[in-house]
Each structure stands twice: as structure tokens, then as C-alpha cells.
Amino acid sequence: MMEDTDILEYENIGRKIKKSNKYSYIRGKQLTDPGSGTRVYDIDNSRLPSVTTILSATANKEFLKKWQAKVGEEEAERIKNVSSARGTCMHKFLEHYVRGTGCVDLT
């Protein structure tokens, strides 16, 4: 059986999410670090790497090399591009959902 909070959340699907003052969010300016070419956020004169930058730096590149050798360079590039486009679409969809500005076609 669903809890009352679950039912309320389910009934709010598709509605604009209300901003909560429960948390104090820090805003930073997104930059490309000239030395490394990576994305960073300037927050109070401190440069913090983006999540993508951190994940890229900690990725198992040996696994990716083996996978690329297995499927071939051309197929690996095709899969990478399709996956990248899918991720970009999902980010846009979620941004529109959170802002309550409608949804983007994910097809």
C-alpha cells in the first residue's frame, strides 16, 4: 500500500517543482580551465571540477580500450555519439521538468 506522501508525490508528476528554502545552494560561474580544458566552477575564487570532469579522470580507461578493440573504432565512435546525444536529451528533459516549462521530445 502506498503511503500518503507517495500518493501526493505521484499526483504531482508533471507539475512544476516548488523551490524549497530547506537548503542553501551555492552558485558558481561555469568556466573552462585554460590549462587543462576541463569544466570547472568558480565559487568564491576557488575552482572546483565538474562532476563530468571528476568521472572522466577516474574512469576505467583500460576497460574502454578493450571494449573499443572488441567492437571496432567506428562502432565505438557511433555508440559514443548516440549515448552522448541521449544524455544531452535527458539533461534537457530533466531541466524542463524541474523548471516546469514543459518537456522536450526525447525521440
PDB file of N, CA and C in Angstrom:
ATOM      1  N   MET A   1       0.836  -1.184   0.000  1.00  0.00           N
ATOM      2  CA  MET A   1       0.000   0.000   0.000  1.00  0.00           C
ATOM      3  C   MET A   1       0.883   1.251   0.000  1.00  0.00           C
ATOM      4  N   MET A   2       0.470   2.248  -0.777  1.00  0.00           N
ATOM      5  CA  MET A   2       1.251   3.484  -0.868  1.00  0.00           C
ATOM      6  C   MET A   2       0.991   4.376   0.344  1.00  0.00           C
ATOM      7  N   GLU A   3       2.060   5.006   0.797  1.00  0.00           N
ATOM      8  CA  GLU A   3       1.949   5.980   1.881  1.00  0.00           C
ATOM      9  C   GLU A   3       1.326   7.270   1.335  1.00  0.00           C
ATOM     10  N   ASP A   4       0.786   8.102   2.212  1.00  0.00           N
ATOM     11  CA  ASP A   4       0.180   9.371   1.786  1.00  0.00           C
ATOM     12  C   ASP A   4       1.175  10.254   1.045  1.00  0.00           C
ATOM     13  N   THR A   5       2.439  10.283   1.512  1.00  0.00           N
ATOM     14  CA  THR A   5       3.441  11.120   0.842  1.00  0.00           C
ATOM     15  C   THR A   5       3.738  10.597  -0.557  1.00  0.00           C
ATOM     16  N   ASP A   6       3.718   9.274  -0.737  1.00  0.00           N
ATOM     17  CA  ASP A   6       3.935   8.689  -2.065  1.00  0.00           C
ATOM     18  C   ASP A   6       2.803   9.054  -3.010  1.00  0.00           C
ATOM     19  N   ILE A   7       1.577   9.017  -2.506  1.00  0.00           N
ATOM     20  CA  ILE A   7       0.408   9.360  -3.326  1.00  0.00           C
ATOM     21  C   ILE A   7       0.477  10.826  -3.738  1.00  0.00           C
ATOM     22  N   LEU A   8       0.835  11.699  -2.792  1.00  0.00           N
ATOM     23  CA  LEU A   8       0.960  13.127  -3.094  1.00  0.00           C
ATOM     24  C   LEU A   8       2.029  13.351  -4.150  1.00  0.00           C
ATOM     25  N   GLU A   9       3.167  12.674  -4.009  1.00  0.00           N
ATOM     26  CA  GLU A   9       4.243  12.811  -4.983  1.00  0.00           C
ATOM     27  C   GLU A   9       3.781  12.317  -6.350  1.00  0.00           C
ATOM     28  N   TYR A  10       3.075  11.190  -6.391  1.00  0.00           N
ATOM     29  CA  TYR A  10       2.573  10.638  -7.651  1.00  0.00           C
ATOM     30  C   TYR A  10       1.604  11.604  -8.320  1.00  0.00           C
ATOM     31  N   GLU A  11       0.734  12.228  -7.536  1.00  0.00           N
ATOM     32  CA  GLU A  11      -0.252  13.159  -8.085  1.00  0.00           C
ATOM     33  C   GLU A  11       0.393  14.435  -8.603  1.00  0.00           C
ATOM     34  N   ASN A  12       1.620  14.738  -8.161  1.00  0.00           N
ATOM     35  CA  ASN A  12       2.303  15.957  -8.596  1.00  0.00           C
ATOM     36  C   ASN A  12       3.199  15.749  -9.812  1.00  0.00           C
ATOM     37  N   ILE A  13       3.230  14.544 -10.361  1.00  0.00           N
ATOM     38  CA  ILE A  13       4.062  14.280 -11.543  1.00  0.00           C
ATOM     39  C   ILE A  13       3.603  15.196 -12.677  1.00  0.00           C
ATOM     40  N   GLY A  14       4.559  15.869 -13.291  1.00  0.00           N
ATOM     41  CA  GLY A  14       4.256  16.767 -14.400  1.00  0.00           C
ATOM     42  C   GLY A  14       4.000  18.199 -13.980  1.00  0.00           C
ATOM     43  N   ARG A  15       3.838  18.431 -12.695  1.00  0.00           N
ATOM     44  CA  ARG A  15       3.656  19.796 -12.196  1.00  0.00           C
ATOM     45  C   ARG A  15       5.008  20.396 -11.857  1.00  0.00           C
ATOM     46  N   LYS A  16       5.072  21.714 -11.914  1.00  0.00           N
ATOM     47  CA  LYS A  16       6.316  22.416 -11.605  1.00  0.00           C
ATOM     48  C   LYS A  16       6.728  22.120 -10.162  1.00  0.00           C
ATOM     49  N   ILE A  17       8.018  21.868  -9.965  1.00  0.00           N
ATOM     50  CA  ILE A  17       8.545  21.616  -8.634  1.00  0.00           C
ATOM     51  C   ILE A  17       8.725  22.951  -7.928  1.00  0.00           C
ATOM     52  N   LYS A  18       8.246  23.015  -6.698  1.00  0.00           N
ATOM     53  CA  LYS A  18       8.360  24.258  -5.933  1.00  0.00           C
ATOM     54  C   LYS A  18       9.749  24.357  -5.324  1.00  0.00           C
ATOM     55  N   LYS A  19      10.303  25.573  -5.362  1.00  0.00           N
ATOM     56  CA  LYS A  19      11.616  25.799  -4.769  1.00  0.00           C
ATOM     57  C   LYS A  19      11.492  25.697  -3.261  1.00  0.00           C
ATOM     58  N   SER A  20      12.419  24.975  -2.680  1.00  0.00           N
ATOM     59  CA  SER A  20      12.439  24.803  -1.238  1.00  0.00           C
ATOM     60  C   SER A  20      13.556  25.646  -0.646  1.00  0.00           C
ATOM     61  N   ASN A  21      13.299  26.254   0.465  1.00  0.00           N
ATOM     62  CA  ASN A  21      14.325  27.026   1.164  1.00  0.00           C
ATOM     63  C   ASN A  21      15.024  26.177   2.220  1.00  0.00           C
ATOM     64  N   LYS A  22      14.791  24.860   2.163  1.00  0.00           N
ATOM     65  CA  LYS A  22      15.373  23.946   3.138  1.00  0.00           C
ATOM     66  C   LYS A  22      16.898  23.931   3.043  1.00  0.00           C
ATOM     67  N   TYR A  23      17.419  24.082   1.821  1.00  0.00           N
ATOM     68  CA  TYR A  23      18.861  24.027   1.617  1.00  0.00           C
ATOM     69  C   TYR A  23      19.369  25.370   1.099  1.00  0.00           C
ATOM     70  N   SER A  24      20.598  25.674   1.427  1.00  0.00           N
ATOM     71  CA  SER A  24      21.230  26.885   0.941  1.00  0.00           C
ATOM     72  C   SER A  24      22.170  26.486  -0.192  1.00  0.00           C
ATOM     73  N   TYR A  25      21.784  26.776  -1.426  1.00  0.00           N
ATOM     74  CA  TYR A  25      22.572  26.375  -2.582  1.00  0.00           C
ATOM     75  C   TYR A  25      23.612  27.445  -2.920  1.00  0.00           C
ATOM     76  N   ILE A  26      24.792  26.992  -3.222  1.00  0.00           N
ATOM     77  CA  ILE A  26      25.875  27.888  -3.602  1.00  0.00           C
ATOM     78  C   ILE A  26      25.869  28.019  -5.118  1.00  0.00           C
ATOM     79  N   ARG A  27      25.972  29.218  -5.607  1.00  0.00           N
ATOM     80  CA  ARG A  27      26.023  29.440  -7.055  1.00  0.00           C
ATOM     81  C   ARG A  27      27.453  29.719  -7.458  1.00  0.00           C
ATOM     82  N   GLY A  28      27.826  29.145  -8.585  1.00  0.00           N
ATOM     83  CA  GLY A  28      29.164  29.370  -9.109  1.00  0.00           C
ATOM     84  C   GLY A  28      29.092  29.655 -10.592  1.00  0.00           C
ATOM     85  N   LYS A  29      30.148  30.209 -11.105  1.00  0.00           N
ATOM     86  CA  LYS A  29      30.219  30.506 -12.529  1.00  0.00           C
ATOM     87  C   LYS A  29      30.943  29.355 -13.226  1.00  0.00           C
ATOM     88  N   GLN A  30      30.320  28.815 -14.274  1.00  0.00           N
ATOM     89  CA  GLN A  30      30.917  27.712 -15.030  1.00  0.00           C
ATOM     90  C   GLN A  30      31.981  28.256 -15.979  1.00  0.00           C
ATOM     91  N   LEU A  31      33.174  27.664 -15.931  1.00  0.00           N
ATOM     92  CA  LEU A  31      34.293  28.085 -16.767  1.00  0.00           C
ATOM     93  C   LEU A  31      34.973  26.878 -17.394  1.00  0.00           C
ATOM     94  N   THR A  32      35.747  27.134 -18.425  1.00  0.00           N
ATOM     95  CA  THR A  32      36.644  26.111 -18.954  1.00  0.00           C
ATOM     96  C   THR A  32      38.039  26.489 -18.514  1.00  0.00           C
ATOM     97  N   ASP A  33      38.679  25.596 -17.772  1.00  0.00           N
ATOM     98  CA  ASP A  33      40.015  25.859 -17.271  1.00  0.00           C
ATOM     99  C   ASP A  33      40.978  25.945 -18.449  1.00  0.00           C
ATOM    100  N   PRO A  34      41.672  27.092 -18.615  1.00  0.00           N
ATOM    101  CA  PRO A  34      42.542  27.258 -19.773  1.00  0.00           C
ATOM    102  C   PRO A  34      43.717  26.281 -19.796  1.00  0.00           C
ATOM    103  N   GLY A  35      44.190  25.859 -18.640  1.00  0.00           N
ATOM    104  CA  GLY A  35      45.335  24.961 -18.585  1.00  0.00           C
ATOM    105  C   GLY A  35      45.005  23.536 -19.009  1.00  0.00           C
ATOM    106  N   SER A  36      43.866  23.028 -18.532  1.00  0.00           N
ATOM    107  CA  SER A  36      43.523  21.625 -18.785  1.00  0.00           C
ATOM    108  C   SER A  36      42.392  21.443 -19.793  1.00  0.00           C
ATOM    109  N   GLY A  37      41.638  22.512 -20.036  1.00  0.00           N
ATOM    110  CA  GLY A  37      40.492  22.402 -20.942  1.00  0.00           C
ATOM    111  C   GLY A  37      39.289  21.741 -20.299  1.00  0.00           C
ATOM    112  N   THR A  38      39.337  21.507 -18.991  1.00  0.00           N
ATOM    113  CA  THR A  38      38.225  20.862 -18.282  1.00  0.00           C
ATOM    114  C   THR A  38      37.245  21.903 -17.767  1.00  0.00           C
ATOM    115  N   ARG A  39      36.024  21.437 -17.485  1.00  0.00           N
ATOM    116  CA  ARG A  39      34.995  22.328 -16.961  1.00  0.00           C
ATOM    117  C   ARG A  39      35.150  22.442 -15.449  1.00  0.00           C
ATOM    118  N   VAL A  40      35.142  23.669 -14.971  1.00  0.00           N
ATOM    119  CA  VAL A  40      35.241  23.937 -13.538  1.00  0.00           C
ATOM    120  C   VAL A  40      34.191  24.979 -13.159  1.00  0.00           C
ATOM    121  N   TYR A  41      33.946  25.084 -11.870  1.00  0.00           N
ATOM    122  CA  TYR A  41      33.041  26.100 -11.355  1.00  0.00           C
ATOM    123  C   TYR A  41      33.829  27.007 -10.432  1.00  0.00           C
ATOM    124  N   ASP A  42      33.741  28.310 -10.666  1.00  0.00           N
ATOM    125  CA  ASP A  42      34.401  29.296  -9.828  1.00  0.00           C
ATOM    126  C   ASP A  42      33.425  29.678  -8.722  1.00  0.00           C
ATOM    127  N   ILE A  43      33.756  29.266  -7.500  1.00  0.00           N
ATOM    128  CA  ILE A  43      32.920  29.558  -6.342  1.00  0.00           C
ATOM    129  C   ILE A  43      33.794  30.246  -5.309  1.00  0.00           C
ATOM    130  N   ASP A  44      33.493  31.501  -5.051  1.00  0.00           N
ATOM    131  CA  ASP A  44      34.265  32.302  -4.089  1.00  0.00           C
ATOM    132  C   ASP A  44      35.770  32.236  -4.386  1.00  0.00           C
ATOM    133  N   ASN A  45      36.128  32.406  -5.652  1.00  0.00           N
ATOM    134  CA  ASN A  45      37.522  32.396  -6.117  1.00  0.00           C
ATOM    135  C   ASN A  45      38.229  31.053  -5.924  1.00  0.00           C
ATOM    136  N   SER A  46      37.467  29.990  -5.744  1.00  0.00           N
ATOM    137  CA  SER A  46      38.021  28.632  -5.723  1.00  0.00           C
ATOM    138  C   SER A  46      37.477  27.907  -6.939  1.00  0.00           C
ATOM    139  N   ARG A  47      38.330  27.166  -7.622  1.00  0.00           N
ATOM    140  CA  ARG A  47      37.889  26.434  -8.809  1.00  0.00           C
ATOM    141  C   ARG A  47      37.641  24.980  -8.445  1.00  0.00           C
ATOM    142  N   LEU A  48      36.403  24.550  -8.651  1.00  0.00           N
ATOM    143  CA  LEU A  48      36.011  23.177  -8.344  1.00  0.00           C
ATOM    144  C   LEU A  48      35.683  22.456  -9.641  1.00  0.00           C
ATOM    145  N   PRO A  49      36.150  21.221  -9.809  1.00  0.00           N
ATOM    146  CA  PRO A  49      35.881  20.487 -11.045  1.00  0.00           C
ATOM    147  C   PRO A  49      34.413  20.068 -11.121  1.00  0.00           C
ATOM    148  N   SER A  50      33.911  19.960 -12.357  1.00  0.00           N
ATOM    149  CA  SER A  50      32.539  19.494 -12.555  1.00  0.00           C
ATOM    150  C   SER A  50      32.479  17.992 -12.305  1.00  0.00           C
ATOM    151  N   VAL A  51      31.277  17.471 -12.131  1.00  0.00           N
ATOM    152  CA  VAL A  51      31.083  16.036 -11.945  1.00  0.00           C
ATOM    153  C   VAL A  51      31.633  15.281 -13.152  1.00  0.00           C
ATOM    154  N   THR A  52      31.372  15.787 -14.353  1.00  0.00           N
ATOM    155  CA  THR A  52      31.866  15.141 -15.569  1.00  0.00           C
ATOM    156  C   THR A  52      33.386  15.077 -15.578  1.00  0.00           C
ATOM    157  N   THR A  53      34.034  16.142 -15.148  1.00  0.00           N
ATOM    158  CA  THR A  53      35.494  16.175 -15.090  1.00  0.00           C
ATOM    159  C   THR A  53      36.017  15.120 -14.119  1.00  0.00           C
ATOM    160  N   ILE A  54      35.382  15.004 -12.972  1.00  0.00           N
ATOM    161  CA  ILE A  54      35.804  14.014 -11.967  1.00  0.00           C
ATOM    162  C   ILE A  54      35.594  12.597 -12.501  1.00  0.00           C
ATOM    163  N   LEU A  55      34.426  12.330 -13.079  1.00  0.00           N
ATOM    164  CA  LEU A  55      34.152  10.995 -13.607  1.00  0.00           C
ATOM    165  C   LEU A  55      35.116  10.625 -14.725  1.00  0.00           C
ATOM    166  N   SER A  56      35.430  11.596 -15.568  1.00  0.00           N
ATOM    167  CA  SER A  56      36.354  11.353 -16.669  1.00  0.00           C
ATOM    168  C   SER A  56      37.749  11.017 -16.149  1.00  0.00           C
ATOM    169  N   ALA A  57      38.172  11.703 -15.118  1.00  0.00           N
ATOM    170  CA  ALA A  57      39.513  11.487 -14.568  1.00  0.00           C
ATOM    171  C   ALA A  57      39.630  10.162 -13.823  1.00  0.00           C
ATOM    172  N   THR A  58      38.508   9.634 -13.353  1.00  0.00           N
ATOM    173  CA  THR A  58      38.544   8.400 -12.564  1.00  0.00           C
ATOM    174  C   THR A  58      38.011   7.193 -13.337  1.00  0.00           C
ATOM    175  N   ALA A  59      37.708   7.372 -14.620  1.00  0.00           N
ATOM    176  CA  ALA A  59      37.148   6.281 -15.427  1.00  0.00           C
ATOM    177  C   ALA A  59      38.168   5.172 -15.647  1.00  0.00           C
ATOM    178  N   ASN A  60      37.652   3.959 -15.804  1.00  0.00           N
ATOM    179  CA  ASN A  60      38.488   2.804 -16.093  1.00  0.00           C
ATOM    180  C   ASN A  60      38.785   2.819 -17.592  1.00  0.00           C
ATOM    181  N   LYS A  61      39.843   3.490 -17.979  1.00  0.00           N
ATOM    182  CA  LYS A  61      40.163   3.648 -19.398  1.00  0.00           C
ATOM    183  C   LYS A  61      40.642   2.343 -20.038  1.00  0.00           C
ATOM    184  N   GLU A  62      41.206   1.444 -19.249  1.00  0.00           N
ATOM    185  CA  GLU A  62      41.640   0.149 -19.786  1.00  0.00           C
ATOM    186  C   GLU A  62      40.431  -0.649 -20.268  1.00  0.00           C
ATOM    187  N   PHE A  63      39.366  -0.610 -19.500  1.00  0.00           N
ATOM    188  CA  PHE A  63      38.126  -1.285 -19.904  1.00  0.00           C
ATOM    189  C   PHE A  63      37.624  -0.705 -21.227  1.00  0.00           C
ATOM    190  N   LEU A  64      37.652   0.623 -21.343  1.00  0.00           N
ATOM    191  CA  LEU A  64      37.173   1.264 -22.566  1.00  0.00           C
ATOM    192  C   LEU A  64      38.033   0.899 -23.772  1.00  0.00           C
ATOM    193  N   LYS A  65      39.354   0.806 -23.567  1.00  0.00           N
ATOM    194  CA  LYS A  65      40.246   0.419 -24.661  1.00  0.00           C
ATOM    195  C   LYS A  65      39.935  -1.003 -25.139  1.00  0.00           C
ATOM    196  N   LYS A  66      39.718  -1.911 -24.190  1.00  0.00           N
ATOM    197  CA  LYS A  66      39.386  -3.296 -24.539  1.00  0.00           C
ATOM    198  C   LYS A  66      38.051  -3.362 -25.268  1.00  0.00           C
ATOM    199  N   TRP A  67      37.074  -2.589 -24.779  1.00  0.00           N
ATOM    200  CA  TRP A  67      35.750  -2.566 -25.421  1.00  0.00           C
ATOM    201  C   TRP A  67      35.860  -2.020 -26.847  1.00  0.00           C
ATOM    202  N   GLN A  68      36.623  -0.956 -27.030  1.00  0.00           N
ATOM    203  CA  GLN A  68      36.797  -0.362 -28.352  1.00  0.00           C
ATOM    204  C   GLN A  68      37.469  -1.361 -29.309  1.00  0.00           C
ATOM    205  N   ALA A  69      38.454  -2.099 -28.814  1.00  0.00           N
ATOM    206  CA  ALA A  69      39.117  -3.111 -29.648  1.00  0.00           C
ATOM    207  C   ALA A  69      38.140  -4.225 -30.019  1.00  0.00           C
ATOM    208  N   LYS A  70      37.241  -4.543 -29.101  1.00  0.00           N
ATOM    209  CA  LYS A  70      36.267  -5.617 -29.336  1.00  0.00           C
ATOM    210  C   LYS A  70      35.231  -5.228 -30.392  1.00  0.00           C
ATOM    211  N   VAL A  71      34.674  -4.003 -30.286  1.00  0.00           N
ATOM    212  CA  VAL A  71      33.597  -3.593 -31.208  1.00  0.00           C
ATOM    213  C   VAL A  71      34.124  -2.860 -32.436  1.00  0.00           C
ATOM    214  N   GLY A  72      35.351  -2.410 -32.393  1.00  0.00           N
ATOM    215  CA  GLY A  72      35.926  -1.657 -33.503  1.00  0.00           C
ATOM    216  C   GLY A  72      35.796  -0.161 -33.280  1.00  0.00           C
ATOM    217  N   GLU A  73      36.758   0.593 -33.825  1.00  0.00           N
ATOM    218  CA  GLU A  73      36.790   2.045 -33.604  1.00  0.00           C
ATOM    219  C   GLU A  73      35.545   2.755 -34.126  1.00  0.00           C
ATOM    220  N   GLU A  74      35.129   2.371 -35.330  1.00  0.00           N
ATOM    221  CA  GLU A  74      33.980   3.038 -35.949  1.00  0.00           C
ATOM    222  C   GLU A  74      32.699   2.800 -35.150  1.00  0.00           C
ATOM    223  N   GLU A  75      32.467   1.562 -34.728  1.00  0.00           N
ATOM    224  CA  GLU A  75      31.272   1.235 -33.944  1.00  0.00           C
ATOM    225  C   GLU A  75      31.331   1.882 -32.568  1.00  0.00           C
ATOM    226  N   ALA A  76      32.507   1.904 -31.960  1.00  0.00           N
ATOM    227  CA  ALA A  76      32.664   2.545 -30.652  1.00  0.00           C
ATOM    228  C   ALA A  76      32.340   4.034 -30.746  1.00  0.00           C
ATOM    229  N   GLU A  77      32.796   4.675 -31.803  1.00  0.00           N
ATOM    230  CA  GLU A  77      32.518   6.105 -32.013  1.00  0.00           C
ATOM    231  C   GLU A  77      31.023   6.335 -32.206  1.00  0.00           C
ATOM    232  N   ARG A  78      30.378   5.455 -32.981  1.00  0.00           N
ATOM    233  CA  ARG A  78      28.937   5.574 -33.217  1.00  0.00           C
ATOM    234  C   ARG A  78      28.172   5.441 -31.892  1.00  0.00           C
ATOM    235  N   ILE A  79      28.514   4.425 -31.103  1.00  0.00           N
ATOM    236  CA  ILE A  79      27.843   4.200 -29.813  1.00  0.00           C
ATOM    237  C   ILE A  79      28.080   5.380 -28.884  1.00  0.00           C
ATOM    238  N   LYS A  80      29.307   5.894 -28.861  1.00  0.00           N
ATOM    239  CA  LYS A  80      29.638   7.048 -28.013  1.00  0.00           C
ATOM    240  C   LYS A  80      28.781   8.259 -28.384  1.00  0.00           C
ATOM    241  N   ASN A  81      28.639   8.519 -29.682  1.00  0.00           N
ATOM    242  CA  ASN A  81      27.857   9.672 -30.140  1.00  0.00           C
ATOM    243  C   ASN A  81      26.381   9.522 -29.819  1.00  0.00           C
ATOM    244  N   VAL A  82      25.829   8.315 -30.016  1.00  0.00           N
ATOM    245  CA  VAL A  82      24.419   8.066 -29.692  1.00  0.00           C
ATOM    246  C   VAL A  82      24.198   8.239 -28.190  1.00  0.00           C
ATOM    247  N   SER A  83      25.103   7.688 -27.394  1.00  0.00           N
ATOM    248  CA  SER A  83      24.981   7.786 -25.939  1.00  0.00           C
ATOM    249  C   SER A  83      25.100   9.229 -25.459  1.00  0.00           C
ATOM    250  N   SER A  84      26.004   9.969 -26.056  1.00  0.00           N
ATOM    251  CA  SER A  84      26.187  11.373 -25.694  1.00  0.00           C
ATOM    252  C   SER A  84      24.930  12.188 -26.016  1.00  0.00           C
ATOM    253  N   ALA A  85      24.369  11.952 -27.199  1.00  0.00           N
ATOM    254  CA  ALA A  85      23.143  12.665 -27.593  1.00  0.00           C
ATOM    255  C   ALA A  85      21.994  12.305 -26.653  1.00  0.00           C
ATOM    256  N   ARG A  86      21.910  11.038 -26.282  1.00  0.00           N
ATOM    257  CA  ARG A  86      20.853  10.596 -25.362  1.00  0.00           C
ATOM    258  C   ARG A  86      21.007  11.279 -24.004  1.00  0.00           C
ATOM    259  N   GLY A  87      22.240  11.360 -23.516  1.00  0.00           N
ATOM    260  CA  GLY A  87      22.485  12.010 -22.230  1.00  0.00           C
ATOM    261  C   GLY A  87      22.137  13.490 -22.267  1.00  0.00           C
ATOM    262  N   THR A  88      22.478  14.162 -23.369  1.00  0.00           N
ATOM    263  CA  THR A  88      22.147  15.581 -23.526  1.00  0.00           C
ATOM    264  C   THR A  88      20.638  15.772 -23.526  1.00  0.00           C
ATOM    265  N   CYS A  89      19.928  14.911 -24.239  1.00  0.00           N
ATOM    266  CA  CYS A  89      18.459  14.995 -24.271  1.00  0.00           C
ATOM    267  C   CYS A  89      17.875  14.798 -22.879  1.00  0.00           C
ATOM    268  N   MET A  90      18.398  13.836 -22.147  1.00  0.00           N
ATOM    269  CA  MET A  90      17.875  13.566 -20.809  1.00  0.00           C
ATOM    270  C   MET A  90      18.108  14.759 -19.889  1.00  0.00           C
ATOM    271  N   HIS A  91      19.294  15.372 -19.972  1.00  0.00           N
ATOM    272  CA  HIS A  91      19.574  16.559 -19.159  1.00  0.00           C
ATOM    273  C   HIS A  91      18.579  17.672 -19.493  1.00  0.00           C
ATOM    274  N   LYS A  92      18.325  17.897 -20.778  1.00  0.00           N
ATOM    275  CA  LYS A  92      17.374  18.941 -21.192  1.00  0.00           C
ATOM    276  C   LYS A  92      15.972  18.623 -20.707  1.00  0.00           C
ATOM    277  N   PHE A  93      15.563  17.357 -20.843  1.00  0.00           N
ATOM    278  CA  PHE A  93      14.245  16.929 -20.384  1.00  0.00           C
ATOM    279  C   PHE A  93      14.089  17.192 -18.891  1.00  0.00           C
ATOM    280  N   LEU A  94      15.078  16.785 -18.101  1.00  0.00           N
ATOM    281  CA  LEU A  94      15.005  16.973 -16.648  1.00  0.00           C
ATOM    282  C   LEU A  94      15.018  18.448 -16.273  1.00  0.00           C
ATOM    283  N   GLU A  95      15.806  19.239 -16.976  1.00  0.00           N
ATOM    284  CA  GLU A  95      15.829  20.681 -16.693  1.00  0.00           C
ATOM    285  C   GLU A  95      14.455  21.297 -16.942  1.00  0.00           C
ATOM    286  N   HIS A  96      13.835  20.947 -18.067  1.00  0.00           N
ATOM    287  CA  HIS A  96      12.497  21.471 -18.359  1.00  0.00           C
ATOM    288  C   HIS A  96      11.478  20.978 -17.339  1.00  0.00           C
ATOM    289  N   TYR A  97      11.614  19.742 -16.913  1.00  0.00           N
ATOM    290  CA  TYR A  97      10.690  19.189 -15.915  1.00  0.00           C
ATOM    291  C   TYR A  97      10.807  19.952 -14.601  1.00  0.00           C
ATOM    292  N   VAL A  98      12.040  20.153 -14.149  1.00  0.00           N
ATOM    293  CA  VAL A  98      12.262  20.849 -12.879  1.00  0.00           C
ATOM    294  C   VAL A  98      11.778  22.295 -12.962  1.00  0.00           C
ATOM    295  N   ARG A  99      12.018  22.940 -14.105  1.00  0.00           N
ATOM    296  CA  ARG A  99      11.592  24.340 -14.267  1.00  0.00           C
ATOM    297  C   ARG A  99      10.090  24.471 -14.527  1.00  0.00           C
ATOM    298  N   GLY A 100       9.443  23.360 -14.875  1.00  0.00           N
ATOM    299  CA  GLY A 100       8.011  23.397 -15.158  1.00  0.00           C
ATOM    300  C   GLY A 100       7.704  24.067 -16.485  1.00  0.00           C
ATOM    301  N   THR A 101       8.634  23.990 -17.442  1.00  0.00           N
ATOM    302  CA  THR A 101       8.448  24.673 -18.723  1.00  0.00           C
ATOM    303  C   THR A 101       8.040  23.710 -19.837  1.00  0.00           C
ATOM    304  N   GLY A 102       7.562  22.533 -19.472  1.00  0.00           N
ATOM    305  CA  GLY A 102       7.165  21.562 -20.493  1.00  0.00           C
ATOM    306  C   GLY A 102       8.294  20.594 -20.738  1.00  0.00           C
ATOM    307  N   CYS A 103       8.056  19.619 -21.598  1.00  0.00           N
ATOM    308  CA  CYS A 103       9.102  18.628 -21.820  1.00  0.00           C
ATOM    309  C   CYS A 103       9.599  18.674 -23.252  1.00  0.00           C
ATOM    310  N   VAL A 104      10.754  18.126 -23.426  1.00  0.00           N
ATOM    311  CA  VAL A 104      11.409  18.090 -24.717  1.00  0.00           C
ATOM    312  C   VAL A 104      11.171  16.697 -25.307  1.00  0.00           C
ATOM    313  N   ASP A 105      11.032  16.633 -26.592  1.00  0.00           N
ATOM    314  CA  ASP A 105      10.847  15.347 -27.274  1.00  0.00           C
ATOM    315  C   ASP A 105      12.124  14.531 -27.141  1.00  0.00           C
ATOM    316  N   LEU A 106      12.037  13.360 -26.532  1.00  0.00           N
ATOM    317  CA  LEU A 106      13.215  12.517 -26.332  1.00  0.00           C
ATOM    318  C   LEU A 106      13.424  11.509 -27.455  1.00  0.00           C
ATOM    319  N   THR A 107      12.600  11.564 -28.499  1.00  0.00           N
ATOM    320  CA  THR A 107      12.776  10.611 -29.586  1.00  0.00           C
ATOM    321  C   THR A 107      13.912  11.047 -30.455  1.00  0.00           C
TER     322      THR A 107
END
